[in-house]
Amino acid sequence: MRPRSAQILLLALAAALPARAETLPLHLTFPPPDLAFYGSHVRVAGWTRPGASVELQGDPVQVYPTGAFVGLVELKLGENTLHVRAASGTLHAVVETTVRSLALAPVLPSRPTRIAAGSAYPSGELVLRGGDRVRFGFRASPGGTAELELGGRRVPMREHDNGRYAGQLRIEPGTVIARCRPVVHLRGRDGRRVSQTLAASVETRAATAPRVAFVSAFRTRLYRRPEGSGFIETLPKGARLRLGGRRGEWREIGLCGRHYWAPRADLAPATGVAATPTALGPLVVRQERDALRIVLPAGAPLGVRYRQPEPAVLRLDFDGVGALDAAVPAPGGLLRSARWLRTSWGARLELTLHRPPAWGYRLDYRPGRIELVLPRSPLRTPAGGKLSGLVVALDPGHGGYERGAESPTGKWEKDATLRWPSA
């Protein structure tokens, strides 16, 4: 075949084949499919081609230069179909998803007396200790008299909000409760008595239960409440903690005279290990080129809480401190003074600076020591204060399993961070 003939044949074949249609990308990152929740509005976020226009329920929404968009939709009670349409030139794309707005549970009739199935709480496994307080509740016919039965005790419950009953139980020190399931009882206006057994199991912690745990995860987070709200602090792998009770997948731990909650999966209880105090060595101050570094030798990882009660004051609370070398370094550089205080839970180190740490501070955990690092300002440049030769970075600070928040384009914050060079 001649070259000219082959060229004509190829052109003919190309014309005969169907052209690949160009499509306009349109993706939703929120809400997830078949979302159901109690609420009157829902946020809709997603991304499309930069420069495209987007309509949500027929109304235009702003599209950012990256193609990301976010809108808010008012919901009616029950099932709602969300309609998202993107257009760019002659191209368009449509995505639909369903969101269900749930109604608050209706008030039950006062007659006949009954308890709503599955309404009693809490659920899951509860291991309690002396001093713990637990709130129990359920939903039932209004106007009745209710009580909780647990471990041979009966605790009165009060009615709130027209048929919602609740009560609080305090575990007195020394109380022993063998594993059991609580029962709620209700006597209604019609004189009928009804009961419901909770899904939760309750028991008090045995004297032989582990009293010490070590952080087994790379790090763990502490919260004020066992549902994971009220973030307090992060602790490193190996940090030793005093164990309290358990509520579902959360363990209660003691830190600096207070009780917090950590995910059960992050801790390794140590049977037969006592909470032996840890010795702390003398403070060492290193005036380095890029930071002020305060080094504290420690015999074992500790739970540490650090705060900034005043602009130029840093306070570090150390849990479970035994022997303490209270010698403090001489003032110098940014450090104005340092002092140790003994506490009921361990020790407190209070550092006063000549000026607030404008570039922040951090706590590093190293083998055999704990380091407080106060970075120096990098703006030590020749006259004129130019930034020549400096690298300026914006980093959200997430990485590893800490993904951060998801953007409308489906990217996680950790994907936007800089890879830190390995030491």
Protein backbone atom coordinates (compact mmCIF):
# COMPACT_ATOMS: atom_id res chain seq x y z
CA MET A 1 0.00 0.00 0.00
CA ARG A 2 1.30 3.41 -0.91
CA PRO A 3 1.92 5.92 1.89
CA ARG A 4 -0.75 8.29 0.50
CA SER A 5 -3.34 5.49 0.44
CA ALA A 6 -2.52 4.45 4.02
CA GLN A 7 -2.98 8.04 5.21
CA ILE A 8 -6.40 8.29 3.57
CA LEU A 9 -7.45 4.94 5.13
CA LEU A 10 -6.44 6.08 8.62
CA LEU A 11 -8.38 9.31 8.24
CA ALA A 12 -11.43 7.39 7.14
CA LEU A 13 -11.20 5.02 10.11
CA ALA A 14 -10.85 7.94 12.52
CA ALA A 15 -13.96 9.57 11.08
CA ALA A 16 -15.91 6.33 11.39
CA LEU A 17 -15.08 5.82 15.07
CA PRO A 18 -17.25 7.70 17.60
CA ALA A 19 -15.48 10.69 19.15
CA ARG A 20 -14.71 10.41 22.85
CA ALA A 21 -17.18 12.70 24.61
CA GLU A 22 -15.71 15.29 26.95
CA THR A 23 -17.28 15.20 30.40
CA LEU A 24 -17.55 17.81 33.11
CA PRO A 25 -16.39 16.57 36.51
CA LEU A 26 -18.82 17.05 39.40
CA HIS A 27 -18.24 15.37 42.76
CA LEU A 28 -19.81 15.76 46.20
CA THR A 29 -17.67 15.30 49.30
CA PHE A 30 -20.55 16.07 51.67
CA PRO A 31 -23.17 14.91 52.53
CA PRO A 32 -22.40 11.18 52.37
CA PRO A 33 -24.94 8.94 50.63
CA ASP A 34 -28.25 8.43 52.48
CA LEU A 35 -27.39 10.77 55.34
CA ALA A 36 -30.03 10.82 58.11
CA PHE A 37 -29.81 13.26 61.02
CA TYR A 38 -31.77 15.65 63.22
CA GLY A 39 -31.50 19.05 61.59
CA SER A 40 -33.25 21.67 59.50
CA HIS A 41 -30.32 22.47 57.17
CA VAL A 42 -27.48 20.54 55.56
CA ARG A 43 -24.15 21.70 54.17
CA VAL A 44 -23.39 20.61 50.60
CA ALA A 45 -19.73 20.67 49.50
CA GLY A 46 -17.99 19.41 46.40
CA TRP A 47 -15.85 20.33 43.42
CA THR A 48 -16.03 20.72 39.68
CA ARG A 49 -13.90 22.21 36.91
CA PRO A 50 -12.47 25.64 37.82
CA GLY A 51 -14.50 28.34 36.11
CA ALA A 52 -17.67 26.26 35.91
CA SER A 53 -20.96 27.48 37.37
CA VAL A 54 -22.90 25.45 39.95
CA GLU A 55 -26.55 25.47 40.97
CA LEU A 56 -27.85 23.89 44.16
CA GLN A 57 -31.58 23.24 44.18
CA GLY A 58 -31.79 25.64 41.21
CA ASP A 59 -29.98 28.48 42.98
CA PRO A 60 -26.43 29.53 42.00
CA VAL A 61 -23.64 29.05 44.53
CA GLN A 62 -20.14 30.52 44.55
CA VAL A 63 -17.45 28.44 42.86
CA TYR A 64 -13.93 29.16 44.07
CA PRO A 65 -10.89 29.36 41.74
CA THR A 66 -10.01 25.75 42.61
CA GLY A 67 -13.45 24.53 41.52
CA ALA A 68 -14.60 23.96 45.09
CA PHE A 69 -18.09 25.03 46.14
CA VAL A 70 -20.10 25.00 49.36
CA GLY A 71 -23.79 25.68 49.89
CA LEU A 72 -26.52 25.32 52.50
CA VAL A 73 -29.89 23.69 51.86
CA GLU A 74 -32.99 23.98 54.02
CA LEU A 75 -34.63 20.61 54.61
CA LYS A 76 -38.21 19.55 55.02
CA LEU A 77 -39.06 16.80 57.47
CA GLY A 78 -38.47 13.37 55.98
CA GLU A 79 -36.69 12.55 52.73
CA ASN A 80 -35.06 15.33 50.67
CA THR A 81 -33.49 15.00 47.23
CA LEU A 82 -30.54 17.33 46.70
CA HIS A 83 -30.02 18.40 43.08
CA VAL A 84 -26.61 19.79 42.06
CA ARG A 85 -25.94 20.97 38.50
CA ALA A 86 -22.64 22.22 37.05
CA ALA A 87 -22.16 23.88 33.66
CA SER A 88 -19.13 24.96 31.67
CA GLY A 89 -19.66 26.10 28.07
CA THR A 90 -21.67 23.42 26.31
CA LEU A 91 -20.93 20.83 29.00
CA HIS A 92 -23.04 20.13 32.05
CA ALA A 93 -23.23 17.51 34.80
CA VAL A 94 -25.86 16.63 37.40
CA VAL A 95 -25.55 14.84 40.74
CA GLU A 96 -28.41 13.91 43.05
CA THR A 97 -28.29 12.53 46.59
CA THR A 98 -30.81 11.89 49.34
CA VAL A 99 -30.81 13.35 52.84
CA ARG A 100 -33.36 12.45 55.50
CA SER A 101 -34.30 14.96 58.18
CA LEU A 102 -35.42 13.04 61.24
CA ALA A 103 -38.16 14.19 63.56
CA LEU A 104 -37.70 14.24 67.29
CA ALA A 105 -39.32 11.22 68.91
CA PRO A 106 -43.05 11.86 69.46
CA VAL A 107 -44.51 11.98 72.93
CA LEU A 108 -46.05 8.62 73.85
CA PRO A 109 -49.68 8.51 74.98
CA SER A 110 -50.15 8.44 78.76
CA ARG A 111 -52.38 5.35 78.45
CA PRO A 112 -51.60 2.54 78.22
CA THR A 113 -48.31 2.98 80.09
CA ARG A 114 -45.32 1.83 78.07
CA ILE A 115 -41.58 2.42 77.62
CA ALA A 116 -40.31 3.18 74.10
CA ALA A 117 -38.30 0.24 72.79
CA GLY A 118 -34.56 0.84 72.71
CA SER A 119 -34.82 4.29 74.33
CA ALA A 120 -33.01 3.44 77.58
CA TYR A 121 -29.41 4.61 77.96
CA PRO A 122 -26.48 4.27 78.36
CA SER A 123 -25.58 1.26 76.25
CA GLY A 124 -22.38 -0.76 76.18
CA GLU A 125 -20.07 -1.93 78.94
CA LEU A 126 -19.53 0.19 82.05
CA VAL A 127 -16.82 -0.56 84.59
CA LEU A 128 -17.10 1.95 87.42
CA ARG A 129 -15.04 2.97 90.42
CA GLY A 130 -15.82 4.73 93.68
CA GLY A 131 -16.91 8.31 93.11
CA ASP A 132 -18.13 7.79 89.54
CA ARG A 133 -21.45 9.31 88.56
CA VAL A 134 -23.51 7.79 85.74
CA ARG A 135 -26.67 9.21 84.21
CA PHE A 136 -29.43 6.81 83.15
CA GLY A 137 -32.57 7.65 81.20
CA PHE A 138 -35.38 6.44 78.94
CA ARG A 139 -38.48 7.67 77.08
CA ALA A 140 -41.95 6.54 78.08
CA SER A 141 -45.53 7.57 78.76
CA PRO A 142 -45.66 10.91 80.62
CA GLY A 143 -46.91 11.45 84.12
CA GLY A 144 -45.48 8.30 85.68
CA THR A 145 -43.17 7.47 88.58
CA ALA A 146 -39.83 5.92 87.60
CA GLU A 147 -36.82 4.34 89.28
CA LEU A 148 -33.62 2.55 88.38
CA GLU A 149 -32.71 -0.85 89.80
CA LEU A 150 -29.03 -1.74 89.91
CA GLY A 151 -27.10 -4.11 92.13
CA GLY A 152 -29.88 -4.34 94.67
CA ARG A 153 -30.31 -0.57 94.84
CA ARG A 154 -33.27 1.46 93.63
CA VAL A 155 -32.62 5.04 92.54
CA PRO A 156 -35.50 7.49 91.89
CA MET A 157 -35.69 9.03 88.41
CA ARG A 158 -37.32 12.33 87.48
CA GLU A 159 -39.44 13.16 84.46
CA HIS A 160 -38.20 15.85 82.07
CA ASP A 161 -39.69 17.16 78.84
CA ASN A 162 -42.98 15.31 78.84
CA GLY A 163 -42.09 11.64 79.01
CA ARG A 164 -38.31 11.74 79.22
CA TYR A 165 -37.07 10.22 82.48
CA ALA A 166 -33.53 10.50 83.85
CA GLY A 167 -31.59 9.85 87.04
CA GLN A 168 -28.01 9.89 88.26
CA LEU A 169 -26.28 7.15 90.20
CA ARG A 170 -23.18 7.78 92.29
CA ILE A 171 -20.94 4.85 93.14
CA GLU A 172 -19.86 5.21 96.75
CA PRO A 173 -16.25 4.23 97.53
CA GLY A 174 -16.07 0.59 98.54
CA THR A 175 -19.28 -0.34 96.72
CA VAL A 176 -19.11 -3.75 95.04
CA ILE A 177 -21.42 -4.45 92.10
CA ALA A 178 -21.13 -7.79 90.34
CA ARG A 179 -21.66 -7.57 86.59
CA CYS A 180 -25.35 -7.02 85.91
CA ARG A 181 -27.73 -5.18 83.63
CA PRO A 182 -29.70 -2.24 85.04
CA VAL A 183 -33.50 -2.26 84.89
CA VAL A 184 -35.77 0.80 84.70
CA HIS A 185 -39.27 0.61 86.17
CA LEU A 186 -42.24 2.87 85.48
CA ARG A 187 -45.65 3.10 87.11
CA GLY A 188 -48.02 5.06 84.89
CA ARG A 189 -51.11 7.15 85.42
CA ASP A 190 -53.28 4.13 84.72
CA GLY A 191 -51.61 2.20 87.53
CA ARG A 192 -49.84 -0.17 85.15
CA ARG A 193 -46.23 -1.14 85.95
CA VAL A 194 -43.77 -1.71 83.11
CA SER A 195 -40.01 -2.41 83.08
CA GLN A 196 -37.15 -2.49 80.57
CA THR A 197 -33.67 -4.00 80.92
CA LEU A 198 -30.85 -1.85 79.53
CA ALA A 199 -28.41 -3.09 76.93
CA ALA A 200 -25.57 -1.82 79.13
CA SER A 201 -23.73 -4.05 81.58
CA VAL A 202 -22.49 -2.44 84.80
CA GLU A 203 -19.89 -3.58 87.33
CA THR A 204 -17.38 -2.03 89.70
CA ARG A 205 -13.71 -2.39 89.04
CA ALA A 206 -12.17 -5.34 90.84
CA ALA A 207 -9.34 -4.81 93.29
CA THR A 208 -7.13 -7.00 91.09
CA ALA A 209 -7.83 -4.99 87.92
CA PRO A 210 -4.83 -3.27 86.29
CA ARG A 211 -4.23 0.16 87.79
CA VAL A 212 -1.60 1.27 85.30
CA ALA A 213 -1.64 1.47 81.52
CA PHE A 214 0.87 2.56 78.91
CA VAL A 215 0.06 4.39 75.71
CA SER A 216 0.51 1.77 73.01
CA ALA A 217 -0.45 3.95 70.04
CA PHE A 218 1.99 6.42 68.49
CA ARG A 219 0.12 8.95 70.60
CA THR A 220 -3.29 9.23 72.19
CA ARG A 221 -5.69 12.08 72.82
CA LEU A 222 -7.33 12.88 76.12
CA TYR A 223 -10.88 14.22 76.39
CA ARG A 224 -13.08 15.53 79.16
CA ARG A 225 -15.94 13.22 78.27
CA PRO A 226 -16.05 9.58 77.14
CA GLU A 227 -17.82 10.36 73.86
CA GLY A 228 -14.70 12.13 72.58
CA SER A 229 -15.56 15.77 73.27
CA GLY A 230 -13.62 18.43 75.17
CA PHE A 231 -10.10 17.79 73.85
CA ILE A 232 -7.42 18.26 76.52
CA GLU A 233 -4.00 16.99 75.52
CA THR A 234 -2.00 14.45 73.53
CA LEU A 235 0.32 11.93 75.17
CA PRO A 236 3.21 10.03 73.55
CA LYS A 237 3.70 6.30 73.15
CA GLY A 238 4.95 4.75 76.38
CA ALA A 239 3.46 7.39 78.69
CA ARG A 240 2.32 5.81 81.94
CA LEU A 241 -1.22 6.52 83.14
CA ARG A 242 -3.36 5.61 86.15
CA LEU A 243 -6.41 3.65 85.08
CA GLY A 244 -9.94 4.33 86.21
CA GLY A 245 -13.15 2.82 84.91
CA ARG A 246 -14.38 1.98 81.43
CA ARG A 247 -17.36 3.12 79.40
CA GLY A 248 -17.74 1.30 76.14
CA GLU A 249 -14.60 1.87 74.08
CA TRP A 250 -13.27 4.60 76.40
CA ARG A 251 -10.98 4.23 79.40
CA GLU A 252 -10.88 6.67 82.27
CA ILE A 253 -7.37 7.79 83.19
CA GLY A 254 -5.90 9.99 85.91
CA LEU A 255 -3.62 12.87 85.00
CA CYS A 256 -2.39 15.64 87.30
CA GLY A 257 -5.17 15.27 89.84
CA ARG A 258 -7.98 15.12 87.27
CA HIS A 259 -9.78 12.38 85.37
CA TYR A 260 -9.99 12.27 81.60
CA TRP A 261 -10.88 9.77 78.89
CA ALA A 262 -8.79 8.08 76.21
CA PRO A 263 -9.69 5.56 73.47
CA ARG A 264 -9.44 2.04 74.84
CA ALA A 265 -7.60 0.86 71.71
CA ASP A 266 -4.73 3.30 72.39
CA LEU A 267 -3.87 1.86 75.82
CA ALA A 268 -2.19 -1.31 77.02
CA PRO A 269 -3.19 -2.12 80.63
CA ALA A 270 -0.29 -3.49 82.65
CA THR A 271 -1.36 -6.20 85.08
CA GLY A 272 0.68 -6.25 88.28
CA VAL A 273 2.51 -3.00 87.52
CA ALA A 274 2.39 -0.34 90.23
CA ALA A 275 2.33 3.37 89.55
CA THR A 276 5.93 3.80 90.69
CA PRO A 277 6.95 7.47 90.82
CA THR A 278 9.40 8.65 88.17
CA ALA A 279 12.57 10.54 89.04
CA LEU A 280 13.26 13.86 87.33
CA GLY A 281 16.78 15.19 86.87
CA PRO A 282 17.99 18.80 86.92
CA LEU A 283 16.87 21.24 84.25
CA VAL A 284 19.34 22.01 81.50
CA VAL A 285 18.97 25.13 79.36
CA ARG A 286 20.47 25.18 75.88
CA GLN A 287 20.68 28.52 74.09
CA GLU A 288 20.77 27.24 70.51
CA ARG A 289 20.93 29.24 67.32
CA ASP A 290 17.33 28.61 66.31
CA ALA A 291 15.66 27.88 69.65
CA LEU A 292 15.75 27.98 73.41
CA ARG A 293 15.69 24.34 74.49
CA ILE A 294 14.90 23.33 78.09
CA VAL A 295 15.82 19.71 78.72
CA LEU A 296 14.46 17.66 81.63
CA PRO A 297 15.94 14.16 82.20
CA ALA A 298 13.15 11.69 83.08
CA GLY A 299 13.43 8.09 84.20
CA ALA A 300 10.31 7.11 82.23
CA PRO A 301 7.72 8.74 79.97
CA LEU A 302 5.30 10.87 81.95
CA GLY A 303 1.89 12.34 81.48
CA VAL A 304 2.46 16.08 81.08
CA ARG A 305 0.01 18.95 80.84
CA TYR A 306 1.38 22.26 79.62
CA ARG A 307 -0.39 25.61 79.50
CA GLN A 308 0.23 29.33 79.08
CA PRO A 309 -1.68 31.05 81.94
CA GLU A 310 -0.11 34.42 81.11
CA PRO A 311 1.52 35.69 77.90
CA ALA A 312 5.06 35.31 79.27
CA VAL A 313 4.47 32.34 81.62
CA LEU A 314 4.55 28.63 80.75
CA ARG A 315 3.31 26.03 83.25
CA LEU A 316 4.13 22.31 82.97
CA ASP A 317 2.42 19.78 85.25
CA PHE A 318 4.15 16.40 85.57
CA ASP A 319 2.12 13.42 86.79
CA GLY A 320 3.60 10.74 89.05
CA VAL A 321 6.91 12.41 89.98
CA GLY A 322 9.02 10.85 92.71
CA ALA A 323 12.54 12.08 93.34
CA LEU A 324 13.00 15.61 92.02
CA ASP A 325 16.16 17.60 91.53
CA ALA A 326 14.71 21.07 92.09
CA ALA A 327 17.83 22.93 90.98
CA VAL A 328 16.98 25.60 88.41
CA PRO A 329 19.27 27.21 85.84
CA ALA A 330 20.44 30.79 86.05
CA PRO A 331 18.40 33.33 84.10
CA GLY A 332 19.62 34.13 80.63
CA GLY A 333 18.42 34.90 77.15
CA LEU A 334 14.65 34.55 76.93
CA LEU A 335 14.40 32.77 80.31
CA ARG A 336 13.75 35.17 83.18
CA SER A 337 13.18 32.63 85.97
CA ALA A 338 12.19 29.03 86.69
CA ARG A 339 10.77 27.40 89.80
CA TRP A 340 9.48 24.02 90.92
CA LEU A 341 6.39 23.40 93.03
CA ARG A 342 5.43 20.12 94.66
CA THR A 343 1.82 19.05 94.08
CA SER A 344 -0.44 16.24 95.27
CA TRP A 345 -0.10 14.51 91.89
CA GLY A 346 3.61 15.16 91.21
CA ALA A 347 5.32 18.42 90.37
CA ARG A 348 4.79 21.69 88.55
CA LEU A 349 7.41 23.65 86.65
CA GLU A 350 6.70 27.33 86.09
CA LEU A 351 8.80 29.27 83.61
CA THR A 352 8.70 33.05 83.34
CA LEU A 353 10.06 34.59 80.15
CA HIS A 354 11.28 38.09 79.41
CA ARG A 355 8.70 38.30 76.63
CA PRO A 356 5.90 36.09 75.27
CA PRO A 357 7.02 33.23 73.02
CA ALA A 358 5.87 34.95 69.83
CA TRP A 359 6.93 31.97 67.70
CA GLY A 360 5.15 29.40 69.85
CA TYR A 361 6.47 26.47 71.83
CA ARG A 362 6.24 22.69 71.80
CA LEU A 363 6.97 19.69 73.98
CA ASP A 364 9.18 16.95 72.51
CA TYR A 365 9.47 13.48 74.04
CA ARG A 366 12.91 11.91 73.60
CA PRO A 367 14.36 8.71 75.06
CA GLY A 368 15.21 9.50 78.66
CA ARG A 369 14.20 13.16 78.55
CA ILE A 370 11.50 15.70 77.87
CA GLU A 371 12.31 18.88 75.95
CA LEU A 372 10.48 22.18 75.87
CA VAL A 373 11.39 24.01 72.68
CA LEU A 374 10.83 27.75 72.13
CA PRO A 375 11.79 28.62 68.53
CA ARG A 376 13.59 31.89 67.95
CA SER A 377 12.43 34.40 65.38
CA PRO A 378 14.02 33.69 61.97
CA LEU A 379 13.97 37.42 61.15
CA ARG A 380 17.59 38.02 62.17
CA THR A 381 18.58 39.48 58.82
CA PRO A 382 20.94 42.31 57.79
CA ALA A 383 19.79 45.90 57.88
CA GLY A 384 16.54 46.40 56.05
CA GLY A 385 14.94 43.23 57.46
CA LYS A 386 14.65 41.52 54.08
CA LEU A 387 13.53 37.88 53.95
CA SER A 388 16.19 36.92 51.42
CA GLY A 389 17.46 33.40 52.05
CA LEU A 390 14.57 32.38 54.30
CA VAL A 391 12.00 29.71 53.51
CA VAL A 392 8.44 30.63 54.53
CA ALA A 393 5.95 27.77 54.78
CA LEU A 394 2.26 27.52 55.63
CA ASP A 395 1.53 24.13 57.14
CA PRO A 396 -1.86 23.05 58.59
CA GLY A 397 0.02 20.73 60.94
CA HIS A 398 -1.66 17.43 60.15
CA GLY A 399 -0.08 14.19 59.02
CA GLY A 400 -0.07 10.42 59.46
CA TYR A 401 -3.36 9.20 60.86
CA GLU A 402 -4.26 12.79 61.79
CA ARG A 403 -5.98 13.61 58.51
CA GLY A 404 -7.49 16.90 59.59
CA ALA A 405 -10.55 18.21 57.77
CA GLU A 406 -11.70 17.28 54.28
CA SER A 407 -11.93 20.07 51.73
CA PRO A 408 -14.75 20.43 49.20
CA THR A 409 -12.34 19.03 46.61
CA GLY A 410 -11.92 15.82 48.60
CA LYS A 411 -8.40 16.59 49.81
CA TRP A 412 -7.41 16.07 53.44
CA GLU A 413 -5.46 18.67 55.39
CA LYS A 414 -2.59 16.25 55.87
CA ASP A 415 -2.15 16.09 52.08
CA ALA A 416 -1.37 19.81 52.13
CA THR A 417 1.37 19.58 54.77
CA LEU A 418 5.07 19.65 54.06
CA ARG A 419 7.11 16.49 54.40
CA TRP A 420 9.50 17.08 57.28
CA PRO A 421 13.04 16.00 56.43
CA SER A 422 14.16 13.00 58.43
CA ALA A 423 16.84 13.60 61.01
